[in-house]
PDB file of N, CA and C in Angstrom:
ATOM      1  N   MET A   1      59.400  22.021  57.696  1.00  0.00           N
ATOM      2  CA  MET A   1      60.702  22.546  57.988  1.00  0.00           C
ATOM      3  C   MET A   1      61.403  22.988  56.709  1.00  0.00           C
ATOM      4  N   TYR A   2      61.278  22.223  55.638  1.00  0.00           N
ATOM      5  CA  TYR A   2      62.050  22.518  54.427  1.00  0.00           C
ATOM      6  C   TYR A   2      61.552  23.813  53.781  1.00  0.00           C
ATOM      7  N   LYS A   3      60.263  24.045  53.833  1.00  0.00           N
ATOM      8  CA  LYS A   3      59.723  25.301  53.295  1.00  0.00           C
ATOM      9  C   LYS A   3      60.248  26.482  54.119  1.00  0.00           C
ATOM     10  N   ARG A   4      60.362  26.289  55.398  1.00  0.00           N
ATOM     11  CA  ARG A   4      60.824  27.393  56.250  1.00  0.00           C
ATOM     12  C   ARG A   4      62.279  27.770  55.940  1.00  0.00           C
ATOM     13  N   ILE A   5      63.144  26.786  55.743  1.00  0.00           N
ATOM     14  CA  ILE A   5      64.540  27.152  55.464  1.00  0.00           C
ATOM     15  C   ILE A   5      64.641  27.784  54.074  1.00  0.00           C
ATOM     16  N   ARG A   6      63.819  27.347  53.143  1.00  0.00           N
ATOM     17  CA  ARG A   6      63.829  27.976  51.814  1.00  0.00           C
ATOM     18  C   ARG A   6      63.309  29.413  51.893  1.00  0.00           C
ATOM     19  N   ASP A   7      62.185  29.573  52.615  1.00  0.00           N
ATOM     20  CA  ASP A   7      61.616  30.911  52.753  1.00  0.00           C
ATOM     21  C   ASP A   7      62.561  31.880  53.432  1.00  0.00           C
ATOM     22  N   LEU A   8      63.249  31.442  54.473  1.00  0.00           N
ATOM     23  CA  LEU A   8      64.224  32.294  55.153  1.00  0.00           C
ATOM     24  C   LEU A   8      65.358  32.700  54.221  1.00  0.00           C
ATOM     25  N   ARG A   9      65.821  31.759  53.420  1.00  0.00           N
ATOM     26  CA  ARG A   9      66.884  32.048  52.460  1.00  0.00           C
ATOM     27  C   ARG A   9      66.407  33.065  51.423  1.00  0.00           C
ATOM     28  N   GLU A  10      65.219  32.838  50.904  1.00  0.00           N
ATOM     29  CA  GLU A  10      64.671  33.727  49.879  1.00  0.00           C
ATOM     30  C   GLU A  10      64.368  35.107  50.434  1.00  0.00           C
ATOM     31  N   ASP A  11      63.970  35.185  51.697  1.00  0.00           N
ATOM     32  CA  ASP A  11      63.711  36.485  52.334  1.00  0.00           C
ATOM     33  C   ASP A  11      64.962  37.349  52.350  1.00  0.00           C
ATOM     34  N   LYS A  12      66.114  36.715  52.398  1.00  0.00           N
ATOM     35  CA  LYS A  12      67.386  37.457  52.389  1.00  0.00           C
ATOM     36  C   LYS A  12      67.967  37.587  50.998  1.00  0.00           C
ATOM     37  N   ASP A  13      67.213  37.178  49.984  1.00  0.00           N
ATOM     38  CA  ASP A  13      67.655  37.222  48.595  1.00  0.00           C
ATOM     39  C   ASP A  13      68.970  36.490  48.364  1.00  0.00           C
ATOM     40  N   LEU A  14      69.104  35.349  49.018  1.00  0.00           N
ATOM     41  CA  LEU A  14      70.307  34.535  48.894  1.00  0.00           C
ATOM     42  C   LEU A  14      70.024  33.334  47.994  1.00  0.00           C
ATOM     43  N   LYS A  15      71.049  32.881  47.331  1.00  0.00           N
ATOM     44  CA  LYS A  15      70.953  31.687  46.513  1.00  0.00           C
ATOM     45  C   LYS A  15      71.389  30.477  47.343  1.00  0.00           C
ATOM     46  N   GLN A  16      71.028  29.309  46.886  1.00  0.00           N
ATOM     47  CA  GLN A  16      71.406  28.091  47.612  1.00  0.00           C
ATOM     48  C   GLN A  16      72.917  28.016  47.775  1.00  0.00           C
ATOM     49  N   LYS A  17      73.653  28.417  46.755  1.00  0.00           N
ATOM     50  CA  LYS A  17      75.135  28.357  46.852  1.00  0.00           C
ATOM     51  C   LYS A  17      75.662  29.263  47.951  1.00  0.00           C
ATOM     52  N   ASP A  18      74.962  30.373  48.216  1.00  0.00           N
ATOM     53  CA  ASP A  18      75.389  31.289  49.296  1.00  0.00           C
ATOM     54  C   ASP A  18      75.274  30.610  50.653  1.00  0.00           C
ATOM     55  N   ILE A  19      74.140  29.970  50.879  1.00  0.00           N
ATOM     56  CA  ILE A  19      73.942  29.271  52.156  1.00  0.00           C
ATOM     57  C   ILE A  19      74.871  28.066  52.242  1.00  0.00           C
ATOM     58  N   ALA A  20      75.056  27.390  51.145  1.00  0.00           N
ATOM     59  CA  ALA A  20      75.960  26.231  51.134  1.00  0.00           C
ATOM     60  C   ALA A  20      77.376  26.643  51.541  1.00  0.00           C
ATOM     61  N   ALA A  21      77.814  27.803  51.079  1.00  0.00           N
ATOM     62  CA  ALA A  21      79.156  28.278  51.449  1.00  0.00           C
ATOM     63  C   ALA A  21      79.227  28.561  52.947  1.00  0.00           C
ATOM     64  N   ILE A  22      78.159  29.135  53.498  1.00  0.00           N
ATOM     65  CA  ILE A  22      78.118  29.390  54.945  1.00  0.00           C
ATOM     66  C   ILE A  22      78.171  28.105  55.749  1.00  0.00           C
ATOM     67  N   LEU A  23      77.470  27.086  55.227  1.00  0.00           N
ATOM     68  CA  LEU A  23      77.421  25.791  55.911  1.00  0.00           C
ATOM     69  C   LEU A  23      78.613  24.894  55.590  1.00  0.00           C
ATOM     70  N   ASN A  24      79.459  25.353  54.662  1.00  0.00           N
ATOM     71  CA  ASN A  24      80.611  24.568  54.230  1.00  0.00           C
ATOM     72  C   ASN A  24      80.184  23.232  53.621  1.00  0.00           C
ATOM     73  N   CYS A  25      79.209  23.306  52.728  1.00  0.00           N
ATOM     74  CA  CYS A  25      78.773  22.104  51.986  1.00  0.00           C
ATOM     75  C   CYS A  25      78.558  22.533  50.537  1.00  0.00           C
ATOM     76  N   SER A  26      78.267  21.567  49.685  1.00  0.00           N
ATOM     77  CA  SER A  26      78.029  21.891  48.288  1.00  0.00           C
ATOM     78  C   SER A  26      76.597  22.414  48.104  1.00  0.00           C
ATOM     79  N   GLN A  27      76.387  23.113  46.977  1.00  0.00           N
ATOM     80  CA  GLN A  27      75.048  23.603  46.682  1.00  0.00           C
ATOM     81  C   GLN A  27      74.101  22.423  46.521  1.00  0.00           C
ATOM     82  N   ARG A  28      74.582  21.334  45.961  1.00  0.00           N
ATOM     83  CA  ARG A  28      73.772  20.137  45.757  1.00  0.00           C
ATOM     84  C   ARG A  28      73.273  19.561  47.098  1.00  0.00           C
ATOM     85  N   VAL A  29      74.169  19.484  48.064  1.00  0.00           N
ATOM     86  CA  VAL A  29      73.781  18.965  49.384  1.00  0.00           C
ATOM     87  C   VAL A  29      72.746  19.896  50.003  1.00  0.00           C
ATOM     88  N   TYR A  30      72.999  21.211  49.927  1.00  0.00           N
ATOM     89  CA  TYR A  30      72.036  22.145  50.501  1.00  0.00           C
ATOM     90  C   TYR A  30      70.681  22.057  49.787  1.00  0.00           C
ATOM     91  N   SER A  31      70.687  21.884  48.480  1.00  0.00           N
ATOM     92  CA  SER A  31      69.456  21.728  47.731  1.00  0.00           C
ATOM     93  C   SER A  31      68.695  20.495  48.235  1.00  0.00           C
ATOM     94  N   ASN A  32      69.425  19.448  48.511  1.00  0.00           N
ATOM     95  CA  ASN A  32      68.792  18.227  49.059  1.00  0.00           C
ATOM     96  C   ASN A  32      68.174  18.496  50.423  1.00  0.00           C
ATOM     97  N   TYR A  33      68.827  19.336  51.236  1.00  0.00           N
ATOM     98  CA  TYR A  33      68.245  19.710  52.520  1.00  0.00           C
ATOM     99  C   TYR A  33      66.907  20.422  52.323  1.00  0.00           C
ATOM    100  N   GLU A  34      66.919  21.401  51.421  1.00  0.00           N
ATOM    101  CA  GLU A  34      65.693  22.212  51.187  1.00  0.00           C
ATOM    102  C   GLU A  34      64.542  21.363  50.627  1.00  0.00           C
ATOM    103  N   ARG A  35      64.866  20.386  49.828  1.00  0.00           N
ATOM    104  CA  ARG A  35      63.828  19.531  49.247  1.00  0.00           C
ATOM    105  C   ARG A  35      63.374  18.425  50.187  1.00  0.00           C
ATOM    106  N   GLY A  36      64.157  18.202  51.232  1.00  0.00           N
ATOM    107  CA  GLY A  36      63.831  17.145  52.166  1.00  0.00           C
ATOM    108  C   GLY A  36      64.288  15.772  51.702  1.00  0.00           C
ATOM    109  N   ASP A  37      65.201  15.764  50.719  1.00  0.00           N
ATOM    110  CA  ASP A  37      65.710  14.485  50.195  1.00  0.00           C
ATOM    111  C   ASP A  37      66.661  13.802  51.169  1.00  0.00           C
ATOM    112  N   ILE A  38      67.343  14.612  51.971  1.00  0.00           N
ATOM    113  CA  ILE A  38      68.222  14.050  53.025  1.00  0.00           C
ATOM    114  C   ILE A  38      67.937  14.803  54.324  1.00  0.00           C
ATOM    115  N   ASP A  39      68.137  14.101  55.442  1.00  0.00           N
ATOM    116  CA  ASP A  39      67.955  14.711  56.743  1.00  0.00           C
ATOM    117  C   ASP A  39      69.046  15.739  56.995  1.00  0.00           C
ATOM    118  N   ILE A  40      68.645  16.814  57.663  1.00  0.00           N
ATOM    119  CA  ILE A  40      69.590  17.853  58.002  1.00  0.00           C
ATOM    120  C   ILE A  40      70.254  17.512  59.342  1.00  0.00           C
ATOM    121  N   PRO A  41      71.571  17.366  59.377  1.00  0.00           N
ATOM    122  CA  PRO A  41      72.245  17.067  60.636  1.00  0.00           C
ATOM    123  C   PRO A  41      71.983  18.159  61.682  1.00  0.00           C
ATOM    124  N   THR A  42      72.018  17.768  62.946  1.00  0.00           N
ATOM    125  CA  THR A  42      71.762  18.693  64.036  1.00  0.00           C
ATOM    126  C   THR A  42      72.665  19.895  63.984  1.00  0.00           C
ATOM    127  N   GLU A  43      73.945  19.701  63.730  1.00  0.00           N
ATOM    128  CA  GLU A  43      74.880  20.830  63.726  1.00  0.00           C
ATOM    129  C   GLU A  43      74.564  21.803  62.607  1.00  0.00           C
ATOM    130  N   VAL A  44      74.027  21.306  61.487  1.00  0.00           N
ATOM    131  CA  VAL A  44      73.639  22.171  60.390  1.00  0.00           C
ATOM    132  C   VAL A  44      72.385  22.959  60.743  1.00  0.00           C
ATOM    133  N   LEU A  45      71.439  22.297  61.411  1.00  0.00           N
ATOM    134  CA  LEU A  45      70.238  22.991  61.870  1.00  0.00           C
ATOM    135  C   LEU A  45      70.604  24.140  62.799  1.00  0.00           C
ATOM    136  N   ILE A  46      71.536  23.897  63.668  1.00  0.00           N
ATOM    137  CA  ILE A  46      71.960  24.942  64.624  1.00  0.00           C
ATOM    138  C   ILE A  46      72.618  26.095  63.873  1.00  0.00           C
ATOM    139  N   LYS A  47      73.488  25.795  62.895  1.00  0.00           N
ATOM    140  CA  LYS A  47      74.108  26.856  62.086  1.00  0.00           C
ATOM    141  C   LYS A  47      73.055  27.675  61.352  1.00  0.00           C
ATOM    142  N   LEU A  48      72.063  26.984  60.762  1.00  0.00           N
ATOM    143  CA  LEU A  48      70.999  27.669  60.027  1.00  0.00           C
ATOM    144  C   LEU A  48      70.209  28.577  60.969  1.00  0.00           C
ATOM    145  N   ALA A  49      69.895  28.054  62.131  1.00  0.00           N
ATOM    146  CA  ALA A  49      69.115  28.827  63.088  1.00  0.00           C
ATOM    147  C   ALA A  49      69.891  30.093  63.522  1.00  0.00           C
ATOM    148  N   LYS A  50      71.148  29.924  63.823  1.00  0.00           N
ATOM    149  CA  LYS A  50      71.968  31.072  64.226  1.00  0.00           C
ATOM    150  C   LYS A  50      72.100  32.080  63.096  1.00  0.00           C
ATOM    151  N   PHE A  51      72.337  31.614  61.885  1.00  0.00           N
ATOM    152  CA  PHE A  51      72.487  32.502  60.750  1.00  0.00           C
ATOM    153  C   PHE A  51      71.239  33.325  60.522  1.00  0.00           C
ATOM    154  N   HIS A  52      70.088  32.665  60.585  1.00  0.00           N
ATOM    155  CA  HIS A  52      68.825  33.345  60.321  1.00  0.00           C
ATOM    156  C   HIS A  52      68.248  34.043  61.553  1.00  0.00           C
ATOM    157  N   GLY A  53      68.844  33.826  62.723  1.00  0.00           N
ATOM    158  CA  GLY A  53      68.370  34.451  63.947  1.00  0.00           C
ATOM    159  C   GLY A  53      67.013  33.910  64.396  1.00  0.00           C
ATOM    160  N   VAL A  54      66.818  32.628  64.182  1.00  0.00           N
ATOM    161  CA  VAL A  54      65.560  31.998  64.602  1.00  0.00           C
ATOM    162  C   VAL A  54      65.897  30.781  65.463  1.00  0.00           C
ATOM    163  N   SER A  55      64.894  30.252  66.121  1.00  0.00           N
ATOM    164  CA  SER A  55      65.106  29.081  66.946  1.00  0.00           C
ATOM    165  C   SER A  55      65.118  27.802  66.096  1.00  0.00           C
ATOM    166  N   VAL A  56      65.783  26.787  66.586  1.00  0.00           N
ATOM    167  CA  VAL A  56      65.735  25.471  65.935  1.00  0.00           C
ATOM    168  C   VAL A  56      64.303  24.952  65.950  1.00  0.00           C
ATOM    169  N   ASP A  57      63.570  25.210  67.036  1.00  0.00           N
ATOM    170  CA  ASP A  57      62.166  24.813  67.094  1.00  0.00           C
ATOM    171  C   ASP A  57      61.355  25.427  65.950  1.00  0.00           C
ATOM    172  N   PHE A  58      61.648  26.681  65.613  1.00  0.00           N
ATOM    173  CA  PHE A  58      60.989  27.316  64.491  1.00  0.00           C
ATOM    174  C   PHE A  58      61.306  26.595  63.185  1.00  0.00           C
ATOM    175  N   LEU A  59      62.580  26.288  62.968  1.00  0.00           N
ATOM    176  CA  LEU A  59      62.977  25.588  61.754  1.00  0.00           C
ATOM    177  C   LEU A  59      62.307  24.218  61.655  1.00  0.00           C
ATOM    178  N   LEU A  60      62.187  23.555  62.778  1.00  0.00           N
ATOM    179  CA  LEU A  60      61.572  22.222  62.779  1.00  0.00           C
ATOM    180  C   LEU A  60      60.055  22.250  62.712  1.00  0.00           C
ATOM    181  N   GLY A  61      59.472  23.441  62.824  1.00  0.00           N
ATOM    182  CA  GLY A  61      58.002  23.541  62.762  1.00  0.00           C
ATOM    183  C   GLY A  61      57.338  23.215  64.079  1.00  0.00           C
ATOM    184  N   ILE A  62      58.127  23.152  65.167  1.00  0.00           N
ATOM    185  CA  ILE A  62      57.574  22.847  66.480  1.00  0.00           C
ATOM    186  C   ILE A  62      56.911  24.105  67.058  1.00  0.00           C
ATOM    187  N   SER A  63      57.465  25.246  66.688  1.00  0.00           N
ATOM    188  CA  SER A  63      56.974  26.512  67.199  1.00  0.00           C
ATOM    189  C   SER A  63      56.885  27.522  66.057  1.00  0.00           C
ATOM    190  N   ASP A  64      55.956  28.434  66.199  1.00  0.00           N
ATOM    191  CA  ASP A  64      55.867  29.542  65.241  1.00  0.00           C
ATOM    192  C   ASP A  64      56.622  30.771  65.726  1.00  0.00           C
ATOM    193  N   ASP A  65      57.209  30.670  66.922  1.00  0.00           N
ATOM    194  CA  ASP A  65      57.979  31.757  67.511  1.00  0.00           C
ATOM    195  C   ASP A  65      59.385  31.704  66.914  1.00  0.00           C
ATOM    196  N   LYS A  66      59.766  32.749  66.190  1.00  0.00           N
ATOM    197  CA  LYS A  66      61.077  32.785  65.539  1.00  0.00           C
ATOM    198  C   LYS A  66      62.222  33.081  66.520  1.00  0.00           C
ATOM    199  N   LYS A  67      61.901  33.553  67.692  1.00  0.00           N
ATOM    200  CA  LYS A  67      62.926  34.057  68.606  1.00  0.00           C
ATOM    201  C   LYS A  67      63.988  33.020  68.913  1.00  0.00           C
ATOM    202  N   TRP A  68      65.233  33.422  68.735  1.00  0.00           N
ATOM    203  CA  TRP A  68      66.406  32.598  69.091  1.00  0.00           C
ATOM    204  C   TRP A  68      66.687  32.793  70.561  1.00  0.00           C
ATOM    205  N   GLU A  69      66.781  31.711  71.295  1.00  0.00           N
ATOM    206  CA  GLU A  69      67.067  31.817  72.734  1.00  0.00           C
ATOM    207  C   GLU A  69      68.301  31.047  73.077  1.00  0.00           C
TER     208      GLU A  69
END
């Protein structure tokens, strides 16, 4: 999951601080999410999925289908 959220961010040429601002958290907290140092809360996963236009299942690695439903 953590590689996927990093890859999605990098695909859009965004920095961690850019995503952190969208999620209303610090860059440090977001960095911890990407590294897997702390669990990502459900509401943050949903925000990430909506922002990137992918399913939460894709972010979690349950599915390879990116489609948001």
